[in-house]
C-alpha cells in the first residue's frame, strides 16, 4: 500500500488531522448510523465488561459504586486499540511502534476529542444498557420480603425517585411487571420456534417443487433473524411499565451527566 516509511508517516499525519478520514480508515464509519451501530457494540463492551463493577447492576455490590467517570477513558482506549490494530495489520508496524505513534500529545488530544464526541452524542446507548442490567437484576430476584438492598437503593435514588410512575417505587409491583414481560417474551419465543419447526418440516417434504422450496427458505431465514432479534430484545419491549422504568432511568442518567 505504502512503499516507503516516509509515505507511511505522511499518511499517518493525515489520519490524525482529518477526523472523517480517521473514522473511515480506522473505525470503518462514515455516517450517523455507522456511529450508532459502533456505540451499541461499545455500550455492551463497557457495561457488560470493562466497567461492569461500576455500571452493571448484576455485578455492582453497593449503589455507592455506581459511577460514570471512566466511560470516556474506556472509549479512548477502545479507539486507540483500533488504531493499533490498523497499524499492525494494514501498515505492518510492529505493535510497539504502533503504540509509539500515539505518544504525540496532539494525537492523544485528537483521539480523546473523538471519544468525548461519541459519548456526548451517543451516550444514551450506554445508559440504555445500564438500565437493562437493572431490569435483569429485578427479574433475577424472588418476590419476597427480603428484597435485594441494591434494588431498594436504586428505587429510592435519583435514577427513579420523584417520578410519577407508581410501579417504579414498589418492588412487588415492579417485579410483577418485569415477570409479566418475561412471560410475554418467553411465549413469543416459543411461538416463533414452533413456526420455524413447521417451516423446516414443510421444506424437508420431498414432494414440494423448487419454487416452493425457495419461498420456504426465505421464510425460514426471516424467521431465524426475527428469533435472533427477539432473543436480544430487552424486557422493556414487552411491557409498557417496564419501558417507562427504562426511559425514566435513561433520562435521569442524561440529567445527571449533562456535559457543558
Protein backbone atom coordinates (compact mmCIF):
# COMPACT_ATOMS: atom_id res chain seq x y z
CA UNK A 1 0.00 0.00 0.00
CA UNK A 2 2.74 2.42 1.01
CA UNK A 3 6.17 1.52 -0.33
CA UNK A 4 8.37 3.68 1.90
CA UNK A 5 8.42 4.62 5.58
CA UNK A 6 8.14 8.27 4.57
CA UNK A 7 4.89 7.58 2.71
CA UNK A 8 3.52 5.78 5.75
CA UNK A 9 4.42 8.68 8.02
CA UNK A 10 2.79 11.20 5.68
CA UNK A 11 -0.36 9.08 5.64
CA UNK A 12 -0.39 8.76 9.44
CA UNK A 13 -0.07 12.54 9.74
CA UNK A 14 -3.12 12.93 7.52
CA UNK A 15 -5.09 10.40 9.56
CA UNK A 16 -4.58 12.28 12.80
CA UNK A 17 -5.57 15.61 11.25
CA UNK A 18 -8.64 14.53 9.31
CA UNK A 19 -11.40 13.16 11.53
CA UNK A 20 -13.54 11.85 8.67
CA UNK A 21 -10.54 10.02 7.18
CA UNK A 22 -9.59 8.58 10.58
CA UNK A 23 -13.15 7.38 11.24
CA UNK A 24 -13.38 5.75 7.82
CA UNK A 25 -9.99 4.05 7.83
CA UNK A 26 -9.72 3.11 11.49
CA UNK A 27 -13.33 2.70 12.68
CA UNK A 28 -14.98 1.98 9.30
CA UNK A 29 -17.71 4.54 9.87
CA UNK A 30 -18.93 7.36 7.65
CA UNK A 31 -22.45 8.18 8.87
CA UNK A 32 -24.60 8.72 11.93
CA UNK A 33 -25.97 5.19 11.59
CA UNK A 34 -22.48 3.70 11.49
CA UNK A 35 -21.55 5.58 14.67
CA UNK A 36 -24.78 4.50 16.33
CA UNK A 37 -24.02 0.88 15.49
CA UNK A 38 -20.49 1.18 16.88
CA UNK A 39 -21.81 2.73 20.09
CA UNK A 40 -24.29 -0.12 20.51
CA UNK A 41 -21.35 -2.52 20.40
CA UNK A 42 -19.21 -0.35 22.68
CA UNK A 43 -22.09 0.11 25.14
CA UNK A 44 -22.22 -3.66 25.63
CA UNK A 45 -18.42 -3.87 25.95
CA UNK A 46 -18.36 -1.07 28.52
CA UNK A 47 -21.38 -2.02 30.64
CA UNK A 48 -21.12 -5.82 30.41
CA UNK A 49 -17.34 -5.99 30.50
CA UNK A 50 -14.90 -3.14 31.07
CA UNK A 51 -16.94 -1.25 33.70
CA UNK A 52 -19.27 -3.97 34.94
CA UNK A 53 -18.43 -3.28 38.59
CA UNK A 54 -19.36 0.42 38.16
CA UNK A 55 -22.29 0.29 35.69
CA UNK A 56 -23.74 -3.22 35.55
CA UNK A 57 -26.31 -3.80 38.32
CA UNK A 58 -25.80 -7.54 38.03
CA UNK A 59 -22.25 -7.02 39.34
CA UNK A 60 -22.43 -3.82 41.43
CA UNK A 61 -22.24 -4.68 45.13
CA UNK A 62 -23.31 -1.30 46.52
CA UNK A 63 -25.08 1.67 44.95
CA UNK A 64 -22.21 3.90 46.04
CA UNK A 65 -20.05 2.03 43.50
CA UNK A 66 -22.31 3.19 40.66
CA UNK A 67 -20.43 5.81 38.62
CA UNK A 68 -19.82 7.05 35.08
CA UNK A 69 -16.40 8.67 35.45
CA UNK A 70 -14.39 6.15 33.42
CA UNK A 71 -16.58 5.91 30.31
CA UNK A 72 -14.70 8.44 28.16
CA UNK A 73 -11.37 6.85 29.15
CA UNK A 74 -12.63 3.45 28.05
CA UNK A 75 -13.86 4.89 24.75
CA UNK A 76 -10.43 6.49 24.28
CA UNK A 77 -8.68 3.15 24.83
CA UNK A 78 -11.07 1.31 22.51
CA UNK A 79 -10.41 3.80 19.70
CA UNK A 80 -6.67 3.72 20.40
CA UNK A 81 -6.75 -0.08 20.20
CA UNK A 82 -8.45 0.16 16.81
CA UNK A 83 -5.57 2.35 15.64
CA UNK A 84 -3.04 -0.21 16.87
CA UNK A 85 -4.88 -2.98 15.02
CA UNK A 86 -4.94 -0.90 11.84
CA UNK A 87 -1.24 -0.01 12.11
CA UNK A 88 -0.15 -3.60 12.68
CA UNK A 89 -2.47 -5.29 10.19
CA UNK A 90 -2.57 -2.73 7.36
CA UNK A 91 0.63 -0.73 7.73
CA UNK A 92 2.61 -3.73 9.03
CA UNK A 93 4.00 -1.84 12.02
CA UNK A 94 5.30 -3.81 15.00
CA UNK A 95 2.89 -3.29 17.89
CA UNK A 96 5.49 -1.36 19.90
CA UNK A 97 5.90 1.16 17.06
CA UNK A 98 2.14 1.41 16.53
CA UNK A 99 1.72 2.33 20.19
CA UNK A 100 4.66 4.73 19.95
CA UNK A 101 2.84 6.68 17.24
CA UNK A 102 0.24 7.60 19.88
CA UNK A 103 2.73 9.27 22.22
CA UNK A 104 2.36 12.61 20.45
CA UNK A 105 0.18 14.85 22.64
CA UNK A 106 -1.69 16.16 19.61
CA UNK A 107 -2.72 12.63 18.68
CA UNK A 108 -3.77 11.86 22.22
CA UNK A 109 -5.91 15.01 22.18
CA UNK A 110 -7.31 14.01 18.76
CA UNK A 111 -8.48 10.58 19.97
CA UNK A 112 -9.76 11.99 23.28
CA UNK A 113 -11.86 14.60 21.47
CA UNK A 114 -13.29 11.86 19.25
CA UNK A 115 -14.11 9.69 22.28
CA UNK A 116 -15.73 12.65 24.03
CA UNK A 117 -17.81 13.49 20.96
CA UNK A 118 -19.02 9.89 20.67
CA UNK A 119 -20.00 9.94 24.34
CA UNK A 120 -21.80 13.27 24.08
CA UNK A 121 -23.81 12.24 21.02
CA UNK A 122 -24.47 8.57 21.69
CA UNK A 123 -24.28 8.11 25.47
CA UNK A 124 -27.96 7.18 25.51
CA UNK A 125 -26.93 3.74 24.18
CA UNK A 126 -24.70 3.24 27.22
CA UNK A 127 -27.43 4.37 29.61
CA UNK A 128 -29.95 2.04 27.97
CA UNK A 129 -27.55 -0.86 28.53
CA UNK A 130 -27.20 0.18 32.19
CA UNK A 131 -30.98 0.31 32.64
CA UNK A 132 -31.31 -3.11 31.03
CA UNK A 133 -28.98 -4.60 33.66
CA UNK A 134 -31.18 -3.20 36.43
CA UNK A 135 -34.29 -4.74 34.87
CA UNK A 136 -32.40 -8.03 34.54
CA UNK A 137 -31.46 -7.80 38.23
CA UNK A 138 -35.11 -7.34 39.20
CA UNK A 139 -36.06 -10.30 37.01
CA UNK A 140 -33.48 -12.49 38.75
CA UNK A 141 -34.91 -11.85 42.23
CA UNK A 142 -37.63 -13.65 44.14
CA UNK A 143 -40.75 -11.72 45.09
CA UNK A 144 -40.42 -11.85 48.87
CA UNK A 145 -39.78 -9.55 51.79
CA UNK A 146 -36.01 -9.86 51.62
CA UNK A 147 -35.65 -7.64 48.58
CA UNK A 148 -32.17 -7.01 47.26
CA UNK A 149 -30.80 -3.92 49.04
CA UNK A 150 -29.28 -2.61 45.81
CA UNK A 151 -32.69 -2.68 44.11
CA UNK A 152 -34.25 -0.76 47.01
CA UNK A 153 -31.46 1.81 46.87
CA UNK A 154 -31.97 2.31 43.14
CA UNK A 155 -35.73 2.70 43.57
CA UNK A 156 -35.10 5.42 46.16
CA UNK A 157 -32.29 7.09 44.21
CA UNK A 158 -32.26 9.99 41.76
CA UNK A 159 -32.48 7.41 38.97
CA UNK A 160 -36.13 6.76 39.82
CA UNK A 161 -37.49 8.78 42.74
CA UNK A 162 -39.68 11.86 42.29
CA UNK A 163 -41.12 10.34 39.15
CA UNK A 164 -44.87 9.99 38.85
CA UNK A 165 -44.95 6.29 37.99
CA UNK A 166 -46.09 4.15 40.88
CA UNK A 167 -44.77 0.86 39.52
CA UNK A 168 -41.25 2.15 40.00
CA UNK A 169 -41.41 2.70 43.74
CA UNK A 170 -42.96 -0.57 44.89
CA UNK A 171 -40.74 -3.61 44.36
CA UNK A 172 -43.66 -6.12 44.30
CA UNK A 173 -45.44 -4.08 41.61
CA UNK A 174 -42.30 -3.63 39.58
CA UNK A 175 -41.37 -7.28 39.99
CA UNK A 176 -44.80 -8.40 38.74
CA UNK A 177 -44.47 -6.23 35.63
CA UNK A 178 -40.96 -7.48 34.90
CA UNK A 179 -42.10 -11.08 35.28
CA UNK A 180 -45.09 -10.37 33.03
CA UNK A 181 -42.67 -9.03 30.40
CA UNK A 182 -40.56 -12.18 30.79
CA UNK A 183 -43.62 -14.35 30.24
CA UNK A 184 -44.60 -12.46 27.08
CA UNK A 185 -41.07 -12.73 25.71
CA UNK A 186 -40.94 -16.43 26.55
CA UNK A 187 -44.33 -17.02 24.89
CA UNK A 188 -43.32 -15.08 21.75
CA UNK A 189 -40.06 -17.02 21.57
CA UNK A 190 -41.83 -20.37 21.87
CA UNK A 191 -44.36 -19.40 19.17
CA UNK A 192 -41.60 -18.35 16.81
CA UNK A 193 -39.65 -21.56 17.42
CA UNK A 194 -42.77 -23.57 16.61
CA UNK A 195 -43.18 -21.57 13.42
CA UNK A 196 -39.56 -22.30 12.45
CA UNK A 197 -40.09 -26.02 13.12
CA UNK A 198 -43.19 -26.04 10.91
CA UNK A 199 -41.36 -24.27 8.08
CA UNK A 200 -38.49 -26.76 8.32
CA UNK A 201 -40.89 -29.69 8.14
CA UNK A 202 -42.52 -28.29 5.00
CA UNK A 203 -39.12 -27.54 3.47
CA UNK A 204 -37.96 -31.11 4.01
CA UNK A 205 -41.00 -32.52 2.19
CA UNK A 206 -39.61 -34.17 -0.99
CA UNK A 207 -42.87 -33.56 -2.87
CA UNK A 208 -42.71 -29.75 -3.00
CA UNK A 209 -41.29 -28.04 -6.08
CA UNK A 210 -38.23 -25.78 -6.34
CA UNK A 211 -40.20 -22.52 -6.26
CA UNK A 212 -41.96 -23.53 -3.06
CA UNK A 213 -38.62 -24.56 -1.54
CA UNK A 214 -37.16 -21.15 -2.33
CA UNK A 215 -40.18 -19.44 -0.79
CA UNK A 216 -39.89 -21.56 2.37
CA UNK A 217 -36.16 -20.89 2.57
CA UNK A 218 -36.83 -17.16 2.54
CA UNK A 219 -39.47 -17.55 5.27
CA UNK A 220 -37.03 -19.61 7.32
CA UNK A 221 -34.26 -17.02 7.04
CA UNK A 222 -36.62 -14.22 8.08
CA UNK A 223 -37.99 -16.24 11.00
CA UNK A 224 -34.48 -17.11 12.25
CA UNK A 225 -33.49 -13.45 12.06
CA UNK A 226 -36.65 -12.49 13.93
CA UNK A 227 -35.85 -15.09 16.60
CA UNK A 228 -32.32 -13.74 16.98
CA UNK A 229 -33.68 -10.19 17.39
CA UNK A 230 -36.22 -11.44 19.90
CA UNK A 231 -33.54 -13.15 21.99
CA UNK A 232 -31.58 -9.90 22.18
CA UNK A 233 -34.61 -7.72 22.93
CA UNK A 234 -34.80 -6.14 26.38
CA UNK A 235 -37.83 -6.73 28.59
CA UNK A 236 -38.91 -3.12 28.05
CA UNK A 237 -40.13 -4.22 24.61
CA UNK A 238 -42.76 -6.46 26.22
CA UNK A 239 -44.40 -4.34 28.93
CA UNK A 240 -45.24 -0.60 28.99
CA UNK A 241 -44.46 -0.21 32.70
CA UNK A 242 -41.01 -1.74 32.24
CA UNK A 243 -40.46 0.58 29.28
CA UNK A 244 -41.42 3.58 31.45
CA UNK A 245 -38.91 2.46 34.06
CA UNK A 246 -36.13 2.16 31.48
CA UNK A 247 -36.97 5.50 29.85
CA UNK A 248 -37.07 7.18 33.26
CA UNK A 249 -33.69 5.77 34.28
CA UNK A 250 -32.14 6.80 30.95
CA UNK A 251 -33.50 10.35 31.21
CA UNK A 252 -32.25 10.56 34.80
CA UNK A 253 -28.76 9.44 33.75
CA UNK A 254 -28.75 12.03 30.96
CA UNK A 255 -29.70 14.69 33.53
CA UNK A 256 -27.05 13.53 35.97
CA UNK A 257 -24.34 13.65 33.31
CA UNK A 258 -25.04 16.77 31.32
CA UNK A 259 -21.88 17.99 29.63
CA UNK A 260 -21.12 21.65 29.13
